[in-house]
Amino acid sequence: MPGRDGQAGFYGLDLYSLHRSMREAVDYLDRVDPDAACRARARYSCFDHASGEDGQAYGYAAAFGAGKSCETQVVEHA
């Protein structure tokens, strides 16, 4: 939902369909803001190690320190 200043917020990831959600977001941005689409691709690249559509496995691993977390990269570029 857009805020008062007309900007949308990002508050989390859909780990059940991680890669599909990222594709949908980038496809939308390609249509409305190609520069933002490029930034999104760069930021999403951190998730390249999360193989296939198993975003839930990424979430468990990141939460329990058993794998790479993308939190720092996402927060630094927010």
C-alpha atoms as a PDB file:
ATOM      1  CA  MET A   1       0.000   0.000   0.000  1.00  0.00           C
ATOM      2  CA  PRO A   2       1.483   3.384  -0.933  1.00  0.00           C
ATOM      3  CA  GLY A   3       2.359   5.699   1.905  1.00  0.00           C
ATOM      4  CA  ARG A   4       1.402   9.349   2.167  1.00  0.00           C
ATOM      5  CA  ASP A   5       4.337  10.343  -0.013  1.00  0.00           C
ATOM      6  CA  GLY A   6       3.204   7.971  -2.785  1.00  0.00           C
ATOM      7  CA  GLN A   7       5.985   5.439  -2.225  1.00  0.00           C
ATOM      8  CA  ALA A   8       5.434   1.769  -1.562  1.00  0.00           C
ATOM      9  CA  GLY A   9       7.173  -0.107   1.212  1.00  0.00           C
ATOM     10  CA  PHE A  10       8.847  -3.504   1.237  1.00  0.00           C
ATOM     11  CA  TYR A  11       8.372  -5.515   4.398  1.00  0.00           C
ATOM     12  CA  GLY A  12       9.382  -9.088   3.682  1.00  0.00           C
ATOM     13  CA  LEU A  13       9.694 -11.932   1.221  1.00  0.00           C
ATOM     14  CA  ASP A  14       7.320 -14.645   0.123  1.00  0.00           C
ATOM     15  CA  LEU A  15       9.529 -17.645   0.913  1.00  0.00           C
ATOM     16  CA  TYR A  16       6.946 -20.104  -0.360  1.00  0.00           C
ATOM     17  CA  SER A  17       7.466 -18.900  -3.919  1.00  0.00           C
ATOM     18  CA  LEU A  18      10.696 -16.930  -3.599  1.00  0.00           C
ATOM     19  CA  HIS A  19      11.903 -17.032  -7.195  1.00  0.00           C
ATOM     20  CA  ARG A  20       8.476 -16.561  -8.727  1.00  0.00           C
ATOM     21  CA  SER A  21       7.851 -13.553  -6.485  1.00  0.00           C
ATOM     22  CA  MET A  22      11.176 -12.032  -7.537  1.00  0.00           C
ATOM     23  CA  ARG A  23      10.372 -12.634 -11.234  1.00  0.00           C
ATOM     24  CA  GLU A  24       6.946 -11.031 -10.863  1.00  0.00           C
ATOM     25  CA  ALA A  25       8.423  -7.972  -9.136  1.00  0.00           C
ATOM     26  CA  VAL A  26      11.126  -7.529 -11.783  1.00  0.00           C
ATOM     27  CA  ASP A  27       8.647  -8.076 -14.646  1.00  0.00           C
ATOM     28  CA  TYR A  28       6.433  -5.343 -13.194  1.00  0.00           C
ATOM     29  CA  LEU A  29       9.368  -2.981 -12.730  1.00  0.00           C
ATOM     30  CA  ASP A  30      10.532  -3.663 -16.299  1.00  0.00           C
ATOM     31  CA  ARG A  31       7.218  -2.185 -17.462  1.00  0.00           C
ATOM     32  CA  VAL A  32       6.982   0.797 -15.116  1.00  0.00           C
ATOM     33  CA  ASP A  33      10.564   1.673 -14.094  1.00  0.00           C
ATOM     34  CA  PRO A  34      13.411  -0.071 -15.959  1.00  0.00           C
ATOM     35  CA  ASP A  35      16.070   1.549 -13.742  1.00  0.00           C
ATOM     36  CA  ALA A  36      14.373   0.155 -10.642  1.00  0.00           C
ATOM     37  CA  ALA A  37      14.192  -3.248 -12.367  1.00  0.00           C
ATOM     38  CA  CYS A  38      17.992  -3.189 -12.790  1.00  0.00           C
ATOM     39  CA  ARG A  39      18.435  -2.335  -9.110  1.00  0.00           C
ATOM     40  CA  ALA A  40      16.039  -5.115  -8.103  1.00  0.00           C
ATOM     41  CA  ARG A  41      17.932  -7.675 -10.204  1.00  0.00           C
ATOM     42  CA  ALA A  42      21.205  -6.647  -8.541  1.00  0.00           C
ATOM     43  CA  ARG A  43      19.698  -6.892  -5.055  1.00  0.00           C
ATOM     44  CA  TYR A  44      17.945 -10.178  -5.772  1.00  0.00           C
ATOM     45  CA  SER A  45      21.217 -11.673  -7.007  1.00  0.00           C
ATOM     46  CA  CYS A  46      22.070 -12.400  -3.384  1.00  0.00           C
ATOM     47  CA  PHE A  47      19.404 -15.115  -3.503  1.00  0.00           C
ATOM     48  CA  ASP A  48      21.006 -16.922  -6.467  1.00  0.00           C
ATOM     49  CA  HIS A  49      22.418 -19.533  -4.083  1.00  0.00           C
ATOM     50  CA  ALA A  50      18.864 -20.489  -3.003  1.00  0.00           C
ATOM     51  CA  SER A  51      18.376 -23.208  -5.590  1.00  0.00           C
ATOM     52  CA  GLY A  52      15.153 -23.946  -7.389  1.00  0.00           C
ATOM     53  CA  GLU A  53      11.897 -22.818  -5.887  1.00  0.00           C
ATOM     54  CA  ASP A  54      12.811 -23.873  -2.346  1.00  0.00           C
ATOM     55  CA  GLY A  55      12.769 -20.475  -0.673  1.00  0.00           C
ATOM     56  CA  GLN A  56      11.606 -22.043   2.541  1.00  0.00           C
ATOM     57  CA  ALA A  57      14.920 -23.887   2.844  1.00  0.00           C
ATOM     58  CA  TYR A  58      16.716 -20.548   2.427  1.00  0.00           C
ATOM     59  CA  GLY A  59      14.568 -19.059   5.189  1.00  0.00           C
ATOM     60  CA  TYR A  60      15.306 -21.859   7.645  1.00  0.00           C
ATOM     61  CA  ALA A  61      19.025 -21.836   6.886  1.00  0.00           C
ATOM     62  CA  ALA A  62      19.310 -18.051   7.209  1.00  0.00           C
ATOM     63  CA  ALA A  63      17.229 -17.947  10.397  1.00  0.00           C
ATOM     64  CA  PHE A  64      19.346 -20.550  12.161  1.00  0.00           C
ATOM     65  CA  GLY A  65      22.767 -19.515  10.854  1.00  0.00           C
ATOM     66  CA  ALA A  66      23.097 -22.625   8.714  1.00  0.00           C
ATOM     67  CA  GLY A  67      23.457 -20.802   5.419  1.00  0.00           C
ATOM     68  CA  LYS A  68      24.039 -17.515   3.703  1.00  0.00           C
ATOM     69  CA  SER A  69      21.686 -14.700   4.687  1.00  0.00           C
ATOM     70  CA  CYS A  70      20.855 -11.830   2.340  1.00  0.00           C
ATOM     71  CA  GLU A  71      19.666  -9.550   5.137  1.00  0.00           C
ATOM     72  CA  THR A  72      22.774  -7.341   5.218  1.00  0.00           C
ATOM     73  CA  GLN A  73      22.834  -6.811   1.447  1.00  0.00           C
ATOM     74  CA  VAL A  74      19.127  -5.974   1.329  1.00  0.00           C
ATOM     75  CA  VAL A  75      19.264  -3.593   4.301  1.00  0.00           C
ATOM     76  CA  GLU A  76      22.404  -1.810   3.034  1.00  0.00           C
ATOM     77  CA  HIS A  77      20.717  -1.115  -0.300  1.00  0.00           C
ATOM     78  CA  ALA A  78      17.223  -0.339   0.940  1.00  0.00           C
END
